[in-house]
Every structure is written in C-alpha cells, then in structure tokens.
Protein backbone atom coordinates (compact mmCIF):
# COMPACT_ATOMS: atom_id res chain seq x y z
CA MET A 1 113.69 107.19 70.16
CA SER A 2 114.44 110.59 71.66
CA ASN A 3 111.00 111.02 73.22
CA LEU A 4 111.23 107.91 75.43
CA PRO A 5 111.71 108.65 79.15
CA ASP A 6 115.13 107.76 80.53
CA LEU A 7 115.21 104.35 82.26
CA THR A 8 118.97 104.10 82.65
CA SER A 9 119.89 101.77 85.54
CA ARG A 10 116.21 100.77 85.94
CA THR A 11 114.92 97.20 85.67
CA VAL A 12 111.26 96.52 84.84
CA LEU A 13 109.71 93.08 85.29
CA GLN A 14 106.61 92.20 83.26
CA VAL A 15 104.60 89.11 84.21
CA ILE A 16 102.28 87.26 81.82
CA PRO A 17 101.07 83.63 81.71
CA ALA A 18 102.97 82.67 78.55
CA LEU A 19 104.54 84.11 75.41
CA GLN A 20 102.70 82.15 72.73
CA ALA A 21 100.64 84.56 70.61
CA GLY A 22 98.12 87.32 71.19
CA GLY A 23 97.66 91.03 71.69
CA ALA A 24 98.80 91.15 75.31
CA GLU A 25 101.89 89.14 74.46
CA ARG A 26 102.75 91.43 71.56
CA THR A 27 102.41 94.45 73.87
CA VAL A 28 104.87 92.82 76.30
CA ILE A 29 107.45 92.65 73.51
CA GLU A 30 106.79 96.23 72.40
CA VAL A 31 107.20 97.56 75.93
CA ALA A 32 110.34 95.47 76.49
CA ASP A 33 111.78 96.94 73.29
CA ALA A 34 111.09 100.47 74.55
CA ILE A 35 112.61 99.76 77.99
CA VAL A 36 115.85 98.56 76.41
CA ARG A 37 116.03 101.49 74.01
CA ALA A 38 115.44 103.85 76.94
CA GLY A 39 118.52 102.45 78.66
CA GLY A 40 116.76 100.07 81.04
CA ARG A 41 116.68 96.33 81.54
CA ALA A 42 113.55 94.43 80.46
CA LEU A 43 112.68 91.19 82.27
CA VAL A 44 109.65 89.04 81.46
CA ALA A 45 108.49 86.16 83.65
CA SER A 46 106.24 83.60 81.95
CA ALA A 47 105.82 79.93 81.11
CA GLY A 48 107.53 80.62 77.79
CA GLY A 49 106.47 80.08 74.20
CA ARG A 50 107.38 80.97 70.65
CA MET A 51 107.57 84.70 71.38
CA THR A 52 110.51 84.31 73.76
CA GLU A 53 112.65 84.59 70.65
CA ASP A 54 110.99 87.92 69.81
CA LEU A 55 111.77 89.08 73.34
CA ALA A 56 115.43 88.15 72.95
CA ASN A 57 115.57 89.94 69.61
CA VAL A 58 114.65 93.27 71.24
CA GLY A 59 117.14 92.78 74.07
CA GLY A 60 114.73 91.51 76.72
CA GLU A 61 115.44 88.66 79.14
CA HIS A 62 113.04 85.81 79.84
CA ILE A 63 112.62 84.15 83.25
CA GLU A 64 110.91 80.76 83.22
CA LEU A 65 107.97 80.74 85.65
CA ALA A 66 104.83 78.62 85.85
CA ALA A 67 102.83 81.82 85.43
CA ASP A 68 100.15 80.07 83.39
CA SER A 69 99.04 78.00 86.40
CA LYS A 70 95.93 78.95 88.37
CA ALA A 71 96.60 76.44 91.13
CA PRO A 72 96.58 78.41 94.43
CA GLN A 73 99.75 76.80 95.73
CA THR A 74 101.61 77.62 92.50
CA VAL A 75 100.33 81.20 92.48
CA TRP A 76 101.52 81.58 96.08
CA SER A 77 104.95 80.05 95.45
CA ASN A 78 105.32 82.17 92.30
CA GLY A 79 104.83 85.24 94.50
CA SER A 80 107.74 84.21 96.68
CA ARG A 81 109.91 83.52 93.66
CA LEU A 82 109.04 86.89 92.10
CA ALA A 83 109.95 88.61 95.37
CA LYS A 84 113.36 86.96 95.22
CA ILE A 85 113.77 88.00 91.58
CA ILE A 86 112.90 91.58 92.51
CA ALA A 87 115.56 91.57 95.23
CA ASP A 88 118.24 89.76 93.23
CA GLU A 89 117.76 91.70 90.00
CA LYS A 90 117.08 95.07 91.68
CA VAL A 91 113.71 95.42 89.95
CA SER A 92 112.36 98.97 90.01
CA LEU A 93 108.76 98.15 89.00
CA ILE A 94 106.61 95.08 88.32
CA HIS A 95 103.85 95.04 85.69
CA ALA A 96 101.22 92.27 85.68
CA ARG A 97 99.07 91.46 82.66
CA SER A 98 96.83 88.60 83.81
CA ARG A 99 95.00 87.51 86.94
CA ALA A 100 96.78 84.40 88.24
CA PRO A 101 100.30 85.83 87.80
CA GLY A 102 98.80 89.15 88.84
CA TRP A 103 98.21 87.78 92.34
CA SER A 104 101.78 86.47 92.43
CA ALA A 105 103.09 89.86 91.33
CA PHE A 106 100.84 91.67 93.83
CA LYS A 107 102.21 89.56 96.68
CA ALA A 108 105.80 90.16 95.55
CA ALA A 109 105.28 93.90 95.10
CA ARG A 110 103.83 94.33 98.57
CA GLN A 111 106.49 92.14 100.14
CA THR A 112 109.30 94.16 98.55
CA ASN A 113 107.60 97.59 98.49
CA THR A 114 107.94 97.75 94.70
CA PRO A 115 105.68 99.87 92.44
CA PHE A 116 102.98 97.65 90.94
CA VAL A 117 101.18 98.27 87.62
CA THR A 118 98.42 96.19 86.05
CA THR A 119 96.97 96.22 82.55
CA TYR A 120 93.32 95.19 82.44
CA HIS A 121 93.53 93.23 79.19
CA GLY A 122 90.09 91.58 79.19
CA VAL A 123 86.49 91.74 80.33
CA TYR A 124 86.43 89.15 83.08
CA SER A 125 83.21 87.37 83.95
CA GLY A 126 82.39 87.04 87.62
CA ARG A 127 78.93 86.47 89.02
CA TRP A 128 80.17 84.87 92.24
CA ARG A 129 82.01 86.73 94.98
CA LEU A 130 85.02 84.43 94.90
CA LYS A 131 85.45 85.01 91.14
CA GLN A 132 84.95 88.75 91.60
CA PHE A 133 87.68 88.74 94.22
CA TYR A 134 89.95 86.76 91.89
CA ASN A 135 89.36 89.33 89.14
CA SER A 136 89.97 92.26 91.49
CA VAL A 137 93.75 91.92 91.44
CA MET A 138 93.76 93.61 88.04
CA ALA A 139 92.37 96.72 89.73
CA ARG A 140 94.90 96.67 92.60
CA GLY A 141 97.80 98.28 90.79
CA ASP A 142 99.28 101.57 91.93
CA MET A 143 97.98 102.52 88.51
CA VAL A 144 95.65 100.47 86.31
CA ILE A 145 96.12 100.68 82.54
CA ALA A 146 93.03 100.46 80.31
CA ASN A 147 93.41 99.75 76.61
CA SER A 148 90.46 101.92 75.59
CA ARG A 149 88.02 104.52 76.90
CA TRP A 150 85.35 101.83 76.99
CA MET A 151 87.62 99.65 79.11
CA ALA A 152 88.35 102.49 81.53
CA GLU A 153 84.61 102.99 82.06
CA HIS A 154 84.16 99.26 82.62
CA ILE A 155 86.94 99.16 85.23
CA ALA A 156 85.52 102.17 87.06
CA ARG A 157 82.03 100.63 87.16
CA THR A 158 83.21 97.17 88.16
CA HIS A 159 85.76 98.09 90.81
CA GLY A 160 84.75 101.56 91.91
CA LEU A 161 88.01 103.17 90.83
CA THR A 162 88.24 106.88 90.13
CA ALA A 163 89.60 108.44 86.97
CA ASN A 164 92.96 109.26 88.60
CA GLN A 165 93.52 105.57 89.36
CA ILE A 166 93.15 104.53 85.71
CA MET A 167 95.36 105.48 82.77
CA ILE A 168 94.12 104.95 79.23
CA ILE A 169 96.92 103.68 76.99
CA PRO A 170 95.53 102.14 73.78
CA ARG A 171 97.48 99.37 72.15
CA GLY A 172 99.48 100.49 69.18
CA VAL A 173 100.08 99.30 65.65
CA ASP A 174 103.56 98.87 64.21
CA PHE A 175 103.18 100.91 61.03
CA ALA A 176 106.49 99.70 59.62
CA ALA A 177 105.29 96.09 59.70
CA PHE A 178 101.63 96.78 58.98
CA ASN A 179 102.19 98.82 55.85
CA PRO A 180 100.55 97.79 52.55
CA ASP A 181 103.50 99.15 50.58
CA ALA A 182 105.94 96.91 52.48
CA ILE A 183 104.41 93.62 51.32
CA ASN A 184 106.13 92.19 48.26
CA ALA A 185 104.63 89.83 45.70
CA ALA A 186 106.40 86.76 47.13
CA ARG A 187 104.76 87.19 50.53
CA GLN A 188 101.37 87.62 48.88
CA THR A 189 101.85 84.52 46.77
CA ALA A 190 102.95 82.47 49.78
CA ILE A 191 99.80 83.40 51.71
CA ARG A 192 97.49 82.62 48.80
CA GLU A 193 99.16 79.25 48.25
CA LEU A 194 98.81 78.47 51.95
CA TRP A 195 95.10 79.25 51.71
CA GLY A 196 94.65 77.25 48.50
CA LEU A 197 93.79 80.35 46.49
CA GLY A 198 95.50 80.54 43.14
CA PRO A 199 96.43 83.79 41.36
CA GLU A 200 93.22 83.51 39.33
CA ASN A 201 90.97 83.55 42.41
CA LYS A 202 88.04 85.93 41.78
CA ARG A 203 86.24 85.37 45.06
CA ILE A 204 86.03 88.01 47.77
CA VAL A 205 88.16 86.88 50.72
CA LEU A 206 86.67 87.25 54.21
CA PHE A 207 89.40 86.86 56.81
CA LEU A 208 88.96 86.09 60.52
CA PRO A 209 92.30 85.91 62.39
CA ALA A 210 91.84 84.96 66.04
CA ARG A 211 92.57 82.23 68.55
CA LEU A 212 90.21 79.31 68.07
CA THR A 213 87.98 79.86 71.07
CA SER A 214 84.22 80.22 71.07
CA TRP A 215 83.99 83.85 72.15
CA LYS A 216 86.07 84.99 69.17
CA GLY A 217 83.01 84.31 67.02
CA GLN A 218 84.16 81.76 64.43
CA THR A 219 80.85 79.86 64.65
CA PHE A 220 78.94 83.08 63.98
CA ALA A 221 81.07 83.76 60.90
CA ILE A 222 80.31 80.28 59.56
CA GLU A 223 76.59 80.66 60.29
CA ALA A 224 76.55 84.08 58.63
CA LEU A 225 78.20 82.65 55.53
CA ALA A 226 75.64 79.84 55.47
CA ALA A 227 72.80 82.39 55.73
CA LEU A 228 73.83 84.10 52.49
CA GLY A 229 72.24 83.04 49.24
CA GLN A 230 73.97 80.40 47.13
CA GLN A 231 74.95 82.91 44.47
CA GLU A 232 76.44 85.22 47.11
CA ARG A 233 78.38 82.35 48.70
CA ASP A 234 79.79 81.32 45.33
CA GLY A 235 81.59 84.67 45.20
CA LEU A 236 83.13 84.38 48.70
CA VAL A 237 85.69 82.41 50.65
CA LEU A 238 86.04 82.60 54.45
CA VAL A 239 89.55 82.10 55.82
CA MET A 240 90.04 81.56 59.56
CA THR A 241 93.49 81.38 61.14
CA GLY A 242 94.47 80.75 64.72
CA GLU A 243 95.42 78.07 67.20
CA ALA A 244 93.04 76.16 69.45
CA LYS A 245 93.64 75.45 73.11
CA ARG A 246 94.90 71.97 73.77
CA LYS A 247 92.13 69.38 74.12
CA SER A 248 89.42 72.02 73.65
CA GLY A 249 87.63 70.22 70.81
CA TYR A 250 86.65 73.58 69.33
CA GLN A 251 88.46 73.08 66.04
CA ALA A 252 86.62 69.77 65.52
CA GLU A 253 83.37 71.59 66.31
CA LEU A 254 84.09 74.19 63.63
CA THR A 255 85.00 71.50 61.09
CA ALA A 256 81.72 69.72 61.79
CA LEU A 257 79.73 72.94 61.44
CA ILE A 258 81.38 73.70 58.10
CA LYS A 259 80.53 70.22 56.87
CA HIS A 260 76.96 70.50 58.19
CA HIS A 261 76.37 73.56 56.01
CA GLY A 262 78.24 72.16 53.03
CA LEU A 263 80.77 75.01 53.13
CA GLN A 264 83.96 73.00 52.64
CA ASP A 265 84.81 74.79 49.40
CA ALA A 266 83.86 78.22 50.79
CA THR A 267 86.00 78.03 53.95
CA ARG A 268 89.63 77.60 54.93
CA LEU A 269 90.48 76.68 58.53
CA LYS A 270 94.20 77.25 59.08
CA GLY A 271 96.49 77.27 62.09
CA HIS A 272 98.79 79.98 63.40
CA CYS A 273 99.60 82.68 60.83
CA GLU A 274 103.28 83.57 60.62
CA ASP A 275 102.84 86.61 58.36
CA MET A 276 99.82 88.57 59.53
CA PRO A 277 100.51 91.76 57.51
CA ALA A 278 100.56 89.78 54.25
CA ALA A 279 97.50 87.80 55.32
CA LEU A 280 95.52 90.95 56.04
CA LEU A 281 96.54 92.40 52.69
CA ALA A 282 95.42 89.18 50.97
CA ALA A 283 91.92 89.70 52.37
CA ASP A 284 89.18 91.92 50.99
CA ILE A 285 87.22 92.23 54.25
CA VAL A 286 88.42 91.42 57.78
CA LEU A 287 86.03 90.08 60.42
CA ALA A 288 86.23 90.67 64.20
CA PRO A 289 82.95 89.12 65.45
CA SER A 290 83.85 88.55 69.12
CA THR A 291 80.85 87.76 71.29
CA ARG A 292 82.49 89.30 74.37
CA PRO A 293 83.75 92.89 74.33
CA GLU A 294 87.42 93.23 73.46
CA ALA A 295 89.41 95.55 75.72
CA PHE A 296 90.98 96.94 72.55
CA GLY A 297 90.85 94.56 69.61
CA ARG A 298 94.25 94.56 67.92
CA THR A 299 92.96 92.63 64.89
CA ALA A 300 90.62 95.44 63.86
CA ALA A 301 93.34 98.07 64.27
CA GLU A 302 95.99 96.12 62.35
CA ALA A 303 93.54 95.30 59.55
CA ALA A 304 92.66 98.97 59.21
CA ALA A 305 96.37 99.83 59.16
CA MET A 306 96.64 97.50 56.16
CA SER A 307 93.89 99.54 54.48
CA ARG A 308 91.28 96.81 54.82
CA PRO A 309 87.65 97.46 55.80
CA VAL A 310 86.65 95.75 59.03
CA ILE A 311 83.36 94.24 60.19
CA ALA A 312 83.38 94.19 63.99
CA ALA A 313 80.95 93.45 66.79
CA ASP A 314 79.55 96.71 68.15
CA HIS A 315 81.00 96.66 71.65
CA GLY A 316 84.25 97.16 73.53
CA GLY A 317 87.30 98.75 71.97
CA ALA A 318 86.00 98.16 68.42
CA ARG A 319 83.80 101.22 68.88
CA GLU A 320 86.99 103.28 68.90
CA THR A 321 88.91 101.50 66.14
CA VAL A 322 86.09 100.88 63.61
CA ILE A 323 83.99 103.82 62.43
CA ASP A 324 80.69 102.43 61.20
CA GLY A 325 80.08 103.31 57.56
CA GLU A 326 83.48 105.00 57.14
CA THR A 327 86.17 102.40 57.86
CA GLY A 328 83.92 99.33 57.86
CA ALA A 329 80.79 98.20 59.66
CA ARG A 330 79.73 97.33 63.19
CA PHE A 331 76.95 94.86 63.95
CA ALA A 332 74.97 93.66 66.98
CA PRO A 333 77.21 91.21 68.90
CA GLY A 334 76.26 87.56 68.65
CA ASN A 335 73.58 88.23 66.04
CA VAL A 336 74.04 86.03 62.96
CA LYS A 337 71.44 87.96 60.95
CA ALA A 338 73.21 91.24 61.71
CA LEU A 339 76.60 89.85 60.73
CA THR A 340 75.13 88.44 57.52
CA GLY A 341 73.70 91.85 56.74
CA ALA A 342 77.02 93.58 57.39
CA ILE A 343 78.85 91.15 55.08
CA ARG A 344 76.22 91.62 52.40
CA SER A 345 76.48 95.40 52.78
CA LEU A 346 80.24 95.55 52.29
CA ILE A 347 80.07 93.16 49.36
CA SER A 348 77.41 95.21 47.63
CA VAL A 349 79.22 98.56 47.87
CA GLY A 350 81.88 97.30 45.46
CA PRO A 351 85.69 97.28 45.46
CA GLU A 352 86.19 101.04 45.06
CA THR A 353 84.14 101.88 48.13
CA ARG A 354 85.85 99.14 50.11
CA GLN A 355 89.18 100.59 49.06
CA MET A 356 88.10 104.04 50.25
CA MET A 357 86.97 102.56 53.59
CA GLY A 358 90.37 100.90 53.94
CA GLN A 359 92.17 104.17 53.28
CA ASN A 360 89.98 105.93 55.85
CA GLY A 361 90.80 103.18 58.33
CA ARG A 362 94.55 103.51 57.80
CA GLN A 363 94.33 107.26 58.41
CA HIS A 364 92.24 106.80 61.57
CA ILE A 365 94.63 104.26 63.07
CA GLU A 366 97.70 106.32 62.21
CA GLN A 367 96.23 109.30 64.02
CA HIS A 368 95.25 107.52 67.23
CA PHE A 369 96.89 104.11 67.71
CA SER A 370 100.67 103.94 67.29
CA VAL A 371 103.20 101.67 69.00
CA GLU A 372 105.32 104.74 69.69
CA GLY A 373 102.44 106.33 71.58
CA LEU A 374 101.92 103.18 73.66
CA GLN A 375 105.62 102.88 74.46
CA THR A 376 106.07 106.52 75.45
CA ALA A 377 102.97 106.61 77.62
CA THR A 378 103.82 103.31 79.38
CA LEU A 379 107.41 104.30 80.14
CA SER A 380 106.26 107.73 81.33
CA LEU A 381 103.98 105.97 83.81
CA TYR A 382 106.83 103.74 84.95
CA THR A 383 109.17 106.67 85.61
CA ALA A 384 106.45 108.60 87.46
CA LEU A 385 105.65 105.69 89.79
CA ILE A 386 109.32 104.91 90.40
CA GLY A 387 109.90 108.58 91.20
CA ILE A 388 106.98 108.66 93.64
CA ARG A 389 108.26 105.58 95.46
CA GLN A 390 111.76 107.05 95.68
CA SER A 391 110.50 110.33 97.11
CA ARG A 392 108.52 108.45 99.76
CA HIS A 393 111.64 106.55 100.78
CA ALA A 394 113.61 109.78 100.94
C-alpha cells in the first residue's frame, strides 16, 4: 500500500502470550503484514499456536518464547532473552500486547534503550495494590494504544495518563474477507451442515462467537433463550462457537445449563470456527453479550461488516461499533431480562428491518473501522517513536 510509512531496514518485535485465536492475535498478524509490506522485518515472540502459520503467510517470523507464563522467574528470564533478541536482530521497536510478556518487554526495552509501545487490549481488574501494579505495565509504553475512545478514557482514569500519552487506534475489519458478496454457496452449506441446520431450516439463527469463558456471556444467552416463550423459542436456534480454556470446566457447565432448561434442540455448542465470515453470514442476529467491557469488540464489528444486526452489551467499545436502533440493539450488561427483550425486539421487527440494520452496520464499519486505517496509524506511530529515539541519540 502506498500510504504505509517506510520501514525499510527496520525490525519491529511484537510480544503476545500465544498465537491461538482472538482479536489481539489477529491484530498482531495484520500489523506484521503491514510491516513487511512497508519494507520492514516483522518478528513476533510468543508461545506459539495455530496462527503462527498465518504469521508466516504474511512474511512474519515467529520466535518461540514462554510468553504465556505468569511465573515471576519466567517473566524475568524472558526479559533477558528479549533483550538479547533486540541486540542480535537489531530491533528498532518493541510492542507488547499483554501484561506478563509486557513486563518482560518493558525490562528489555529499558535495558537496550529501545522504543516501547503497549496496546491496552482489555479492562483489567485490580482491587489490590499488587494487582494494580501488575496491570500498570500496559500504561508504561512510550505511547499507549487504546482500541476505542471508551478505552482511552478508562486508561486515563485508571493510570492518570494525559491525552498526549495515549493514541486511539481502533481495530480494523478486513473488508475483503468480511464481505457478504464473497461467500459462495459451498461455504454457506458447509457451515449449516456443521451446525446441523439443513437447507430447509426456517428458524432464526442467533449466533454467539467467542471464547468459552464466563465473561463472554454464553450463560446469559442461554438464560435469555430460556426466558422466551415456548412459541418464540420454537422459531429460534442459538449457535455458540469458541474454544474453552484447558481444564476450565466451563463447557461442561454450559452443557448442563442447556440440559437444565431443555434447550438441546434449540442450541448448538461448537468448537473453534474456521470460517467466521461464512458463519456470520449464516446467522440472522449476532450476539455480543460480554459481562465485562470489551476494549473494542471485534465480533460486533465483523458481524456488522457482514451486514448482520448485532445485539451487544451496552458498555466498552460496543458503544462505538453498534448504534442502538440503527445497526442493532444494546442492552444492560449482565441483565438476562434486558437481553431477552433485545432478542424479542429484533425478532419482532421482521427480516426486512433486520436487513436494513445490517446494511446500516456495514456502512458504519466501512466508514470508521478498516484494517488499512489500523495498519497506517500503527506504523506511523512506530516511525515517529523510532525517529524520536534516533534524534535523541544524535
């Protein structure tokens, strides 16, 4: 892309716990892609995962590191190893995207006098001083990236940063991949078969794609479905995709809750989704009922890009990606009755209105949340910080 800043002869190292699946991980790949296309070298240090192949496909290089460990001794030794990587690979800037590896990266950056950027990807809980200190590394970057205006305000309140210490760079949507016109019939059929929905399915499909963890709101979606009348439920099916953490027991908890309410026929609990654009297009309504505020909320943005109305909890970045009454609905977070009401509302307006909401959503996302915008803004920040450090050395 011609509008990307020039990173020729520059090496950028991103650090993240792992490259399994998720919004932060996807952003790592997108930024690596931009670095390579701008003439630079893109390194990523992590514990690895399925997305290392995606990284290689865009020309990035993966460095195996136990970055997913929170053990203090590992975090400390990772810092020393990152410092050596910075020296050996002539790294121009290091970018941390999570707390434990953030401390390792912070140590390495200070040791080597390397520009240090953080992206504040989540709303971290911290009532105790030790936890607050642990969280604070994400506000120690030479510049702190916030994924939304709401997130920038949260960082400023929590850490006392000023506006010139925070840069708002919303996550972006890949409009080539998340394009309703790009999904062929075979991909649609494959998704419906995976979900056990034949071509004659007449039920409205509610879709909740998210990691299987309690704060993503799967239990609230099940409870909201159970709170609908029997006749309403007969016309719906709730599909949930996502992986659970190892040994968490959360998937078994969801299965038991579904059985408790007798919703086995009205729900589908699936694992990791390999074709999210087709899955979103197969849905009629997409749910994003997180009980904690999302820094951005990529699911809501990608669903809107696929021209699907979204029901999202009314907090965090969703307030910027979902326009209540125009592109979907927002409801009081953690409130089953409110979520039930929002589902009932979007069902009752009919398919034509839902289609119009989806079209409005696509237009809104196209105007404000593109991958190209994220890439250009991030690389512009990199070049500015590298330039500042060089001028100080001079």
